[in-house]
N, C-alpha and C. Protein backbone atom coordinates (compact mmCIF):
# COMPACT_ATOMS: atom_id res chain seq x y z
N MET A 1 -22.51 16.49 -23.36
CA MET A 1 -23.13 15.34 -24.04
C MET A 1 -24.66 15.50 -23.89
N SER A 2 -25.33 15.80 -24.90
CA SER A 2 -26.58 16.45 -24.71
C SER A 2 -27.85 15.30 -24.51
N GLU A 3 -27.62 14.31 -25.26
CA GLU A 3 -28.75 13.38 -25.39
C GLU A 3 -29.03 12.67 -24.07
N SER A 4 -30.07 12.13 -24.01
CA SER A 4 -30.42 11.34 -22.78
C SER A 4 -29.65 10.08 -22.49
N THR A 5 -29.26 9.72 -21.34
CA THR A 5 -28.43 8.63 -21.11
C THR A 5 -29.21 7.26 -21.53
N GLU A 6 -30.58 7.38 -21.17
CA GLU A 6 -31.25 6.11 -21.14
C GLU A 6 -31.40 5.43 -22.46
N PRO A 7 -31.63 5.95 -23.56
CA PRO A 7 -31.66 5.23 -24.89
C PRO A 7 -30.49 4.69 -25.28
N VAL A 8 -29.42 5.24 -25.20
CA VAL A 8 -28.07 4.87 -25.46
C VAL A 8 -27.59 3.63 -24.55
N THR A 9 -27.73 3.81 -23.29
CA THR A 9 -27.56 2.73 -22.28
C THR A 9 -28.33 1.52 -22.54
N GLN A 10 -29.63 1.66 -22.92
CA GLN A 10 -30.57 0.44 -23.28
C GLN A 10 -30.07 -0.23 -24.47
N MET A 11 -29.56 0.69 -25.61
CA MET A 11 -29.09 0.04 -26.80
C MET A 11 -27.90 -0.74 -26.43
N LEU A 12 -26.93 -0.15 -25.70
CA LEU A 12 -25.78 -0.94 -25.40
C LEU A 12 -25.77 -2.24 -24.77
N ASP A 13 -26.94 -2.19 -23.77
CA ASP A 13 -27.23 -3.35 -23.12
C ASP A 13 -27.82 -4.33 -24.07
N ALA A 14 -28.57 -4.01 -25.06
CA ALA A 14 -29.29 -4.85 -26.16
C ALA A 14 -28.06 -5.46 -26.96
N VAL A 15 -27.01 -4.61 -27.45
CA VAL A 15 -25.96 -5.08 -28.25
C VAL A 15 -25.22 -6.10 -27.57
N ASP A 16 -24.89 -5.77 -26.17
CA ASP A 16 -24.25 -6.75 -25.27
C ASP A 16 -24.94 -8.11 -25.19
N ALA A 17 -26.27 -7.99 -25.22
CA ALA A 17 -26.93 -9.44 -25.16
C ALA A 17 -27.09 -10.00 -26.63
N GLY A 18 -26.49 -9.32 -27.61
CA GLY A 18 -26.25 -10.15 -28.90
C GLY A 18 -27.33 -9.62 -29.82
N ASP A 19 -28.10 -8.63 -29.72
CA ASP A 19 -29.06 -8.18 -30.59
C ASP A 19 -28.43 -7.50 -31.72
N ALA A 20 -28.38 -7.94 -32.93
CA ALA A 20 -27.95 -7.37 -34.02
C ALA A 20 -28.60 -6.11 -34.63
N GLN A 21 -29.95 -6.08 -34.26
CA GLN A 21 -30.79 -4.84 -34.77
C GLN A 21 -30.26 -3.69 -33.86
N ALA A 22 -30.01 -4.06 -32.63
CA ALA A 22 -29.70 -2.83 -31.68
C ALA A 22 -28.47 -2.34 -32.15
N ALA A 23 -27.51 -3.17 -32.52
CA ALA A 23 -26.36 -2.39 -33.18
C ALA A 23 -26.40 -1.56 -34.24
N GLU A 24 -27.30 -1.77 -35.15
CA GLU A 24 -27.70 -0.90 -36.25
C GLU A 24 -28.35 0.14 -35.79
N GLU A 25 -29.25 0.25 -34.52
CA GLU A 25 -29.99 1.39 -34.18
C GLU A 25 -29.05 2.27 -33.30
N LEU A 26 -27.98 1.63 -32.75
CA LEU A 26 -27.09 2.31 -31.97
C LEU A 26 -26.33 3.49 -32.73
N LEU A 27 -25.92 3.24 -33.90
CA LEU A 27 -24.91 4.05 -34.50
C LEU A 27 -25.67 5.60 -34.67
N PRO A 28 -26.95 5.64 -35.15
CA PRO A 28 -27.58 6.88 -35.24
C PRO A 28 -27.69 7.72 -33.95
N LEU A 29 -27.88 6.92 -32.88
CA LEU A 29 -27.89 7.56 -31.58
C LEU A 29 -26.59 8.11 -31.01
N VAL A 30 -25.50 7.58 -31.39
CA VAL A 30 -24.28 8.05 -31.03
C VAL A 30 -23.46 8.80 -31.96
N TYR A 31 -23.76 8.65 -33.19
CA TYR A 31 -23.14 9.31 -34.22
C TYR A 31 -22.71 10.71 -34.24
N GLU A 32 -23.66 11.42 -33.89
CA GLU A 32 -23.63 13.05 -33.63
C GLU A 32 -22.54 13.40 -32.63
N GLU A 33 -22.78 12.66 -31.54
CA GLU A 33 -21.80 13.03 -30.32
C GLU A 33 -20.42 12.71 -30.80
N LEU A 34 -20.17 11.36 -31.52
CA LEU A 34 -18.95 10.95 -31.71
C LEU A 34 -18.24 11.96 -32.90
N ARG A 35 -19.12 12.53 -33.67
CA ARG A 35 -18.84 13.47 -34.62
C ARG A 35 -18.31 14.90 -34.14
N LYS A 36 -19.10 15.23 -33.06
CA LYS A 36 -18.74 16.40 -32.36
C LYS A 36 -17.23 16.33 -31.79
N LEU A 37 -17.09 15.03 -31.11
CA LEU A 37 -15.81 14.78 -30.39
C LEU A 37 -14.63 14.87 -31.47
N ALA A 38 -14.89 14.38 -32.53
CA ALA A 38 -13.85 14.15 -33.66
C ALA A 38 -13.65 15.52 -34.23
N ALA A 39 -14.66 16.48 -34.27
CA ALA A 39 -14.68 17.65 -34.77
C ALA A 39 -13.80 18.63 -33.83
N GLN A 40 -13.99 18.32 -32.67
CA GLN A 40 -13.22 19.16 -31.64
C GLN A 40 -11.62 18.82 -31.82
N LYS A 41 -11.44 17.60 -31.89
CA LYS A 41 -9.91 17.17 -32.13
C LYS A 41 -9.47 17.53 -33.46
N MET A 42 -10.18 17.37 -34.46
CA MET A 42 -9.61 17.84 -35.68
C MET A 42 -9.45 19.44 -35.88
N ALA A 43 -10.18 20.08 -35.07
CA ALA A 43 -10.10 21.64 -35.07
C ALA A 43 -8.51 22.08 -34.66
N ASN A 44 -7.99 21.08 -33.74
CA ASN A 44 -6.65 21.51 -33.32
C ASN A 44 -5.55 20.87 -34.35
N GLU A 45 -5.84 20.27 -35.22
CA GLU A 45 -4.92 19.72 -36.15
C GLU A 45 -4.13 20.70 -37.14
N ALA A 46 -3.12 20.54 -37.68
CA ALA A 46 -2.44 21.55 -38.41
C ALA A 46 -3.24 21.55 -39.81
N PRO A 47 -3.14 22.76 -40.31
CA PRO A 47 -3.78 23.07 -41.65
C PRO A 47 -3.22 22.17 -42.78
N GLY A 48 -4.04 21.74 -43.64
CA GLY A 48 -3.76 20.91 -44.69
C GLY A 48 -3.61 19.36 -44.40
N GLN A 49 -3.92 19.19 -43.24
CA GLN A 49 -3.99 17.64 -42.86
C GLN A 49 -5.08 16.95 -43.57
N THR A 50 -5.10 15.68 -43.74
CA THR A 50 -5.98 15.00 -44.76
C THR A 50 -7.19 14.32 -44.03
N LEU A 51 -7.10 14.00 -42.70
CA LEU A 51 -8.17 13.30 -42.08
C LEU A 51 -9.23 14.20 -41.62
N GLN A 52 -10.52 13.86 -41.93
CA GLN A 52 -11.62 14.58 -41.70
C GLN A 52 -12.36 13.92 -40.45
N PRO A 53 -13.16 14.96 -39.72
CA PRO A 53 -13.91 14.18 -38.53
C PRO A 53 -14.74 13.06 -38.92
N THR A 54 -15.38 13.13 -40.12
CA THR A 54 -16.26 11.99 -40.41
C THR A 54 -15.44 10.71 -40.65
N ALA A 55 -14.46 10.81 -41.24
CA ALA A 55 -13.50 9.64 -41.49
C ALA A 55 -13.01 9.10 -40.29
N LEU A 56 -12.72 9.99 -39.31
CA LEU A 56 -12.33 9.58 -37.99
C LEU A 56 -13.38 8.84 -37.23
N VAL A 57 -14.60 9.35 -37.14
CA VAL A 57 -15.76 8.60 -36.53
C VAL A 57 -15.90 7.45 -37.21
N HIS A 58 -15.87 7.29 -38.47
CA HIS A 58 -16.04 5.97 -39.14
C HIS A 58 -14.93 4.90 -38.75
N GLU A 59 -13.91 5.37 -38.78
CA GLU A 59 -12.69 4.45 -38.29
C GLU A 59 -13.02 4.02 -36.70
N VAL A 60 -13.37 4.96 -36.07
CA VAL A 60 -13.54 4.63 -34.58
C VAL A 60 -14.73 3.60 -34.66
N TRP A 61 -16.03 3.81 -35.24
CA TRP A 61 -17.04 2.98 -35.37
C TRP A 61 -16.72 1.53 -35.81
N LEU A 62 -15.84 1.50 -36.71
CA LEU A 62 -15.35 0.16 -37.33
C LEU A 62 -14.47 -0.56 -36.28
N ARG A 63 -13.73 0.01 -35.63
CA ARG A 63 -12.84 -0.43 -34.69
C ARG A 63 -13.81 -0.92 -33.38
N LEU A 64 -14.72 -0.26 -32.90
CA LEU A 64 -15.65 -0.56 -31.98
C LEU A 64 -16.31 -1.71 -32.32
N ALA A 65 -16.99 -1.85 -33.51
CA ALA A 65 -17.66 -2.98 -34.02
C ALA A 65 -16.98 -4.11 -33.90
N GLN A 66 -15.52 -4.07 -34.05
CA GLN A 66 -14.79 -5.27 -34.19
C GLN A 66 -14.72 -5.96 -32.79
N GLN A 67 -14.91 -5.04 -31.82
CA GLN A 67 -14.88 -5.52 -30.35
C GLN A 67 -16.06 -6.33 -29.95
N SER A 68 -16.14 -7.63 -30.34
CA SER A 68 -17.27 -8.31 -30.21
C SER A 68 -17.54 -8.71 -28.75
N ARG A 69 -16.74 -8.81 -28.08
CA ARG A 69 -16.73 -9.15 -26.59
C ARG A 69 -16.83 -7.91 -25.65
N ALA A 70 -17.27 -6.75 -26.36
CA ALA A 70 -17.14 -5.51 -25.33
C ALA A 70 -18.32 -5.59 -24.59
N HIS A 71 -18.33 -5.35 -23.19
CA HIS A 71 -19.45 -5.23 -22.57
C HIS A 71 -19.57 -3.83 -21.93
N TRP A 72 -20.48 -3.19 -22.58
CA TRP A 72 -20.56 -1.68 -22.07
C TRP A 72 -21.65 -1.41 -20.90
N LYS A 73 -20.92 -0.93 -19.87
CA LYS A 73 -21.72 -0.74 -18.61
C LYS A 73 -22.78 0.51 -18.76
N ASN A 74 -22.36 1.46 -19.52
CA ASN A 74 -23.23 2.56 -19.65
C ASN A 74 -22.63 3.41 -20.83
N ARG A 75 -23.42 4.50 -21.12
CA ARG A 75 -22.99 5.31 -22.20
C ARG A 75 -21.67 5.98 -21.84
N GLU A 76 -21.52 6.37 -20.67
CA GLU A 76 -20.17 7.14 -20.57
C GLU A 76 -19.00 6.38 -20.70
N GLN A 77 -19.03 4.78 -20.35
CA GLN A 77 -17.98 3.98 -20.54
C GLN A 77 -17.83 3.85 -22.09
N PHE A 78 -18.92 3.89 -22.92
CA PHE A 78 -18.75 3.57 -24.16
C PHE A 78 -17.97 4.93 -24.81
N TYR A 79 -18.39 6.20 -24.43
CA TYR A 79 -17.64 7.28 -24.97
C TYR A 79 -16.20 7.38 -24.58
N ALA A 80 -16.04 6.82 -23.32
CA ALA A 80 -14.54 6.67 -22.88
C ALA A 80 -13.55 5.90 -23.67
N VAL A 81 -14.37 4.66 -23.95
CA VAL A 81 -13.64 3.91 -24.82
C VAL A 81 -13.40 4.25 -26.35
N ALA A 82 -14.57 5.01 -26.72
CA ALA A 82 -14.52 5.69 -28.03
C ALA A 82 -13.51 6.75 -28.13
N SER A 83 -13.21 7.32 -27.05
CA SER A 83 -12.13 8.42 -27.08
C SER A 83 -10.86 7.80 -27.09
N GLU A 84 -10.61 6.59 -26.36
CA GLU A 84 -9.37 6.03 -26.37
C GLU A 84 -9.06 5.46 -27.81
N VAL A 85 -10.20 4.74 -28.43
CA VAL A 85 -9.86 4.41 -29.79
C VAL A 85 -9.66 5.68 -30.74
N MET A 86 -10.08 6.78 -30.44
CA MET A 86 -9.89 7.97 -31.19
C MET A 86 -8.37 8.24 -31.21
N ARG A 87 -8.04 8.18 -29.87
CA ARG A 87 -6.49 8.64 -29.51
C ARG A 87 -5.59 7.66 -30.19
N ARG A 88 -5.93 6.44 -30.26
CA ARG A 88 -4.93 5.48 -30.79
C ARG A 88 -4.97 5.71 -32.34
N ILE A 89 -6.11 6.00 -32.94
CA ILE A 89 -6.17 6.28 -34.48
C ILE A 89 -5.14 7.49 -34.81
N LEU A 90 -5.23 8.48 -34.05
CA LEU A 90 -4.61 9.81 -34.26
C LEU A 90 -2.87 9.56 -33.89
N VAL A 91 -2.65 8.81 -32.88
CA VAL A 91 -1.34 8.32 -32.61
C VAL A 91 -0.86 7.48 -33.85
N ASP A 92 -1.51 6.54 -34.23
CA ASP A 92 -1.06 5.73 -35.46
C ASP A 92 -0.74 6.42 -36.69
N ARG A 93 -1.73 7.50 -36.69
CA ARG A 93 -1.66 8.29 -37.93
C ARG A 93 -0.28 9.25 -37.89
N ALA A 94 -0.20 9.64 -36.68
CA ALA A 94 1.15 10.53 -36.48
C ALA A 94 2.38 9.78 -36.69
N ARG A 95 2.52 8.50 -36.23
CA ARG A 95 3.44 7.35 -36.43
C ARG A 95 3.76 7.27 -38.03
N ARG A 96 2.65 7.00 -38.66
CA ARG A 96 2.80 6.57 -40.05
C ARG A 96 3.31 8.04 -40.82
N HIS A 97 2.99 9.22 -40.56
CA HIS A 97 3.54 10.24 -41.16
C HIS A 97 4.89 10.53 -40.86
N GLY A 98 5.29 10.01 -39.72
CA GLY A 98 7.03 10.21 -39.54
C GLY A 98 7.68 8.96 -40.09
N SER A 99 7.08 8.05 -40.63
CA SER A 99 7.91 6.80 -40.95
C SER A 99 8.42 7.19 -42.43
N GLY A 100 9.51 6.44 -42.85
CA GLY A 100 10.14 6.65 -44.06
C GLY A 100 9.14 6.13 -45.09
N LYS A 101 8.55 4.89 -44.93
CA LYS A 101 7.63 4.34 -45.96
C LYS A 101 6.58 5.45 -46.35
N HIS A 102 6.15 6.25 -45.52
CA HIS A 102 5.13 7.13 -45.98
C HIS A 102 5.74 8.65 -46.15
N GLY A 103 6.88 8.58 -46.48
CA GLY A 103 7.56 9.92 -46.99
C GLY A 103 8.39 10.68 -45.83
N GLY A 104 8.40 9.76 -44.81
CA GLY A 104 9.05 10.58 -43.64
C GLY A 104 8.65 11.79 -43.19
N GLY A 105 9.30 12.84 -42.95
CA GLY A 105 8.86 14.12 -42.73
C GLY A 105 8.41 14.98 -43.86
N LEU A 106 8.37 14.36 -44.95
CA LEU A 106 7.75 15.12 -46.29
C LEU A 106 6.24 15.21 -46.28
N GLU A 107 5.85 16.32 -46.79
CA GLU A 107 4.45 16.49 -46.80
C GLU A 107 4.07 16.97 -48.30
N ARG A 108 2.89 16.55 -48.73
CA ARG A 108 2.53 16.90 -50.03
C ARG A 108 1.97 18.41 -49.93
N VAL A 109 2.49 19.20 -50.94
CA VAL A 109 2.33 20.49 -50.85
C VAL A 109 1.65 20.92 -52.45
N ASP A 110 0.60 21.77 -52.22
CA ASP A 110 0.08 22.29 -53.64
C ASP A 110 1.06 23.18 -54.13
N LEU A 111 1.41 22.85 -55.35
CA LEU A 111 2.26 23.71 -56.05
C LEU A 111 1.79 25.08 -56.40
N ASP A 112 0.64 25.41 -56.40
CA ASP A 112 -0.06 26.80 -56.55
C ASP A 112 0.26 27.60 -55.29
N VAL A 113 0.37 26.86 -54.05
CA VAL A 113 0.61 27.70 -53.00
C VAL A 113 1.69 27.04 -52.11
N VAL A 114 2.73 27.49 -52.62
CA VAL A 114 4.17 27.01 -51.98
C VAL A 114 4.26 27.81 -50.68
N GLU A 115 4.27 26.96 -49.58
CA GLU A 115 4.77 27.57 -48.18
C GLU A 115 5.34 26.50 -47.49
N SER A 116 5.97 27.02 -46.49
CA SER A 116 6.75 26.21 -45.55
C SER A 116 5.63 25.43 -44.67
N VAL A 117 5.62 24.16 -44.55
CA VAL A 117 4.64 23.57 -43.83
C VAL A 117 5.47 22.56 -42.75
N VAL A 118 5.16 22.71 -41.59
CA VAL A 118 5.73 21.99 -40.55
C VAL A 118 4.89 20.95 -39.75
N ARG A 119 5.45 19.74 -39.65
CA ARG A 119 4.68 18.66 -39.05
C ARG A 119 4.79 18.61 -37.52
N ASP A 120 5.11 19.68 -36.89
CA ASP A 120 5.15 19.55 -35.40
C ASP A 120 4.22 18.95 -34.64
N GLU A 121 2.97 18.97 -35.17
CA GLU A 121 1.89 18.44 -34.47
C GLU A 121 1.89 16.92 -34.34
N ASP A 122 2.51 16.20 -35.37
CA ASP A 122 2.64 14.71 -35.33
C ASP A 122 3.74 14.52 -34.25
N ALA A 123 4.63 15.13 -34.11
CA ALA A 123 5.89 14.87 -33.10
C ALA A 123 5.24 15.09 -31.87
N LEU A 124 4.49 16.20 -31.66
CA LEU A 124 3.94 16.42 -30.36
C LEU A 124 2.85 15.25 -30.00
N VAL A 125 2.03 14.86 -30.71
CA VAL A 125 1.13 13.70 -30.48
C VAL A 125 2.06 12.59 -29.89
N LEU A 126 3.05 12.20 -30.68
CA LEU A 126 3.78 11.13 -30.34
C LEU A 126 4.58 11.34 -29.02
N GLN A 127 5.06 12.43 -28.76
CA GLN A 127 5.61 12.85 -27.59
C GLN A 127 4.63 12.76 -26.29
N VAL A 128 3.48 13.31 -26.46
CA VAL A 128 2.53 13.08 -25.46
C VAL A 128 2.07 11.68 -25.34
N HIS A 129 2.05 11.01 -26.39
CA HIS A 129 1.70 9.46 -26.29
C HIS A 129 2.61 8.85 -25.33
N ASP A 130 3.84 8.95 -25.50
CA ASP A 130 4.85 8.35 -24.66
C ASP A 130 4.82 8.60 -23.42
N ALA A 131 4.75 9.89 -23.08
CA ALA A 131 4.71 10.46 -21.68
C ALA A 131 3.43 9.89 -21.06
N LEU A 132 2.34 9.89 -21.83
CA LEU A 132 1.05 9.57 -21.30
C LEU A 132 1.00 8.01 -20.88
N ALA A 133 1.77 7.23 -21.63
CA ALA A 133 1.83 5.84 -21.29
C ALA A 133 2.59 5.64 -19.92
N ARG A 134 3.60 6.53 -19.48
CA ARG A 134 4.13 6.50 -18.32
C ARG A 134 3.40 6.95 -17.18
N LEU A 135 2.44 8.22 -17.49
CA LEU A 135 1.54 8.58 -16.53
C LEU A 135 0.48 7.55 -16.19
N GLU A 136 -0.02 6.85 -17.18
CA GLU A 136 -0.96 5.67 -17.14
C GLU A 136 -0.46 4.72 -16.19
N ALA A 137 0.77 4.54 -16.36
CA ALA A 137 1.30 3.33 -15.29
C ALA A 137 1.33 3.86 -13.85
N GLU A 138 1.47 5.12 -13.74
CA GLU A 138 1.52 5.69 -12.43
C GLU A 138 0.07 6.01 -11.91
N ASP A 139 -0.84 6.59 -12.68
CA ASP A 139 -2.20 6.98 -12.18
C ASP A 139 -3.23 7.05 -13.49
N ALA A 140 -3.76 5.99 -13.68
CA ALA A 140 -4.72 5.66 -14.77
C ALA A 140 -5.83 6.81 -14.70
N VAL A 141 -6.27 7.19 -13.71
CA VAL A 141 -7.33 8.20 -13.72
C VAL A 141 -6.84 9.54 -14.30
N LYS A 142 -5.75 9.97 -13.85
CA LYS A 142 -5.11 11.24 -14.43
C LYS A 142 -4.76 11.02 -15.93
N ALA A 143 -4.43 9.87 -16.24
CA ALA A 143 -4.04 9.70 -17.65
C ALA A 143 -5.32 9.71 -18.38
N GLU A 144 -6.34 9.28 -17.98
CA GLU A 144 -7.76 9.29 -18.73
C GLU A 144 -8.16 10.71 -18.89
N VAL A 145 -8.06 11.49 -17.92
CA VAL A 145 -8.48 12.86 -18.15
C VAL A 145 -7.59 13.55 -19.14
N VAL A 146 -6.14 13.22 -19.26
CA VAL A 146 -5.47 13.88 -20.38
C VAL A 146 -6.03 13.34 -21.77
N LYS A 147 -6.27 12.11 -21.70
CA LYS A 147 -6.67 11.44 -23.10
C LYS A 147 -8.07 12.07 -23.38
N LEU A 148 -9.11 12.34 -22.58
CA LEU A 148 -10.21 12.91 -22.98
C LEU A 148 -10.21 14.41 -23.30
N ARG A 149 -9.13 15.05 -22.51
CA ARG A 149 -9.06 16.39 -22.85
C ARG A 149 -8.18 16.81 -24.09
N PHE A 150 -7.10 16.08 -24.17
CA PHE A 150 -6.01 16.51 -25.19
C PHE A 150 -6.45 15.84 -26.51
N PHE A 151 -6.82 14.54 -26.48
CA PHE A 151 -7.10 13.88 -27.79
C PHE A 151 -8.40 14.02 -28.27
N VAL A 152 -9.47 14.08 -27.31
CA VAL A 152 -10.78 14.25 -27.75
C VAL A 152 -11.30 15.63 -27.80
N GLY A 153 -10.78 16.55 -26.86
CA GLY A 153 -11.07 17.98 -26.77
C GLY A 153 -12.29 18.07 -25.91
N LEU A 154 -12.73 17.24 -24.82
CA LEU A 154 -13.78 17.42 -24.05
C LEU A 154 -13.44 18.44 -22.98
N GLY A 155 -14.53 19.05 -22.50
CA GLY A 155 -14.37 19.90 -21.33
C GLY A 155 -14.47 19.41 -19.99
N ASN A 156 -14.11 20.06 -18.96
CA ASN A 156 -14.12 19.57 -17.49
C ASN A 156 -15.57 18.92 -17.21
N SER A 157 -16.67 19.42 -17.60
CA SER A 157 -17.90 18.93 -17.20
C SER A 157 -18.27 17.58 -17.94
N GLU A 158 -17.82 17.49 -19.04
CA GLU A 158 -18.00 16.37 -19.82
C GLU A 158 -17.15 15.22 -19.30
N ILE A 159 -15.98 15.61 -18.98
CA ILE A 159 -14.88 14.54 -18.42
C ILE A 159 -15.37 14.18 -17.22
N ALA A 160 -15.85 14.85 -16.19
CA ALA A 160 -16.48 14.60 -15.04
C ALA A 160 -17.68 13.65 -15.02
N ALA A 161 -18.48 13.77 -16.10
CA ALA A 161 -19.55 12.98 -16.18
C ALA A 161 -19.09 11.59 -16.69
N ILE A 162 -18.22 11.55 -17.65
CA ILE A 162 -17.67 10.21 -17.95
C ILE A 162 -17.00 9.34 -16.89
N LEU A 163 -16.16 10.15 -16.11
CA LEU A 163 -15.57 9.54 -15.16
C LEU A 163 -16.12 9.29 -13.80
N GLY A 164 -17.27 10.11 -13.52
CA GLY A 164 -18.06 9.85 -12.40
C GLY A 164 -17.48 10.61 -11.25
N VAL A 165 -16.87 11.81 -11.54
CA VAL A 165 -16.12 12.53 -10.40
C VAL A 165 -16.77 14.03 -10.59
N SER A 166 -16.20 14.79 -9.73
CA SER A 166 -16.74 16.20 -9.69
C SER A 166 -15.71 17.10 -10.72
N GLU A 167 -16.39 18.14 -11.17
CA GLU A 167 -15.47 19.12 -12.02
C GLU A 167 -14.15 19.57 -11.32
N LYS A 168 -14.25 19.80 -9.98
CA LYS A 168 -13.03 20.23 -9.33
C LYS A 168 -12.04 19.05 -9.27
N THR A 169 -12.45 17.82 -9.10
CA THR A 169 -11.51 16.68 -9.21
C THR A 169 -10.99 16.62 -10.62
N VAL A 170 -11.70 16.77 -11.72
CA VAL A 170 -11.11 16.78 -13.05
C VAL A 170 -10.02 18.02 -13.06
N GLN A 171 -10.39 19.11 -12.50
CA GLN A 171 -9.39 20.25 -12.55
C GLN A 171 -8.28 19.96 -11.92
N ARG A 172 -8.40 19.38 -10.64
CA ARG A 172 -7.14 19.00 -9.98
C ARG A 172 -6.18 17.93 -10.74
N HIS A 173 -7.00 16.84 -11.26
CA HIS A 173 -6.25 15.88 -12.13
C HIS A 173 -5.53 16.55 -13.19
N TRP A 174 -6.33 17.41 -13.93
CA TRP A 174 -5.70 18.10 -15.22
C TRP A 174 -4.49 18.93 -14.79
N ALA A 175 -4.45 19.77 -13.67
CA ALA A 175 -3.26 20.42 -13.16
C ALA A 175 -2.34 19.75 -12.93
N PHE A 176 -2.51 18.42 -12.22
CA PHE A 176 -1.46 17.69 -11.70
C PHE A 176 -0.78 16.88 -13.05
N ALA A 177 -1.71 16.53 -13.96
CA ALA A 177 -1.27 15.68 -15.15
C ALA A 177 -0.47 16.65 -16.06
N LYS A 178 -0.91 17.85 -16.30
CA LYS A 178 -0.16 18.85 -17.10
C LYS A 178 1.32 19.08 -16.64
N ALA A 179 1.42 19.29 -15.27
CA ALA A 179 2.70 19.48 -14.76
C ALA A 179 3.73 18.15 -14.72
N TRP A 180 2.86 16.97 -14.52
CA TRP A 180 3.62 15.68 -14.62
C TRP A 180 4.14 15.49 -16.03
N LEU A 181 3.30 15.72 -16.93
CA LEU A 181 3.52 15.55 -18.50
C LEU A 181 4.65 16.52 -18.99
N PHE A 182 4.57 17.72 -18.45
CA PHE A 182 5.54 18.65 -18.80
C PHE A 182 7.03 18.22 -18.41
N ARG A 183 7.08 17.80 -17.18
CA ARG A 183 8.44 17.37 -16.54
C ARG A 183 8.84 16.12 -17.36
N ALA A 184 7.88 15.21 -17.70
CA ALA A 184 8.27 13.99 -18.33
C ALA A 184 8.83 14.11 -19.63
N MET A 185 8.15 15.26 -20.31
CA MET A 185 8.41 15.50 -21.80
C MET A 185 9.84 16.37 -21.78
N GLN A 186 10.24 17.11 -20.93
CA GLN A 186 11.35 17.77 -20.73
C GLN A 186 12.52 16.81 -20.44
N GLN A 187 12.27 15.77 -19.81
CA GLN A 187 13.26 14.80 -19.40
C GLN A 187 13.84 14.04 -20.66
N LYS A 188 12.90 13.86 -21.64
CA LYS A 188 13.02 12.98 -22.73
C LYS A 188 14.09 13.67 -23.70
C-alpha cells in the first residue's frame, strides 16, 4: 500500500465527523488502491467471467458509502473492511451463479468459440466461505488473514500492516489457516 497513511486517515476522520466534502475527496485517494486489490482478485477468476475490477471497486464503494455509521480508526481498518465487503460481493456472485434462477450451472458461451467451461471457481469460493465462517468463530485473526490473502490477494507485508502484526505472525497464521481449512473442507 504505497500511499501515505496520513491523508487517508485524515479524510476518514473528516468523513466520520460528517464532512460531506471529505467523502467526495476520499474516493480519489483510495480508488487506485481498491482497484489494485480488485485486479489482484480478478486475476484469479476463471476466464470468461463477467465481473471487472472497476465494477467490483464501484460496488465496494457503494456498499461502504451506505455504512453511514461506520467509524474508521485508520487507513488499515478501512482497507480491511473494504476487503471484507469485496469478499462478500464475490461470495454473493458465486451463489447467484449457482442458483437455478440465474441458470444454475449453465454458463453463456460464445457460439464462435465453443469449448467446455467449468465453474469450479464459484464452488470453491462457496466452499472456502463456509469453512471460513467456521474458522472465524474459532479464531477471527486467522480468518482475517485468509480473507485478505484469498479473497483480496494481498501479500504478507500488506496483511501485516493492516492487522498490525509482524510478517512472521502472518506467515504462521496463514500456515495454520491453510491446514485448518483443508481439513474442514475435506470433512464436508
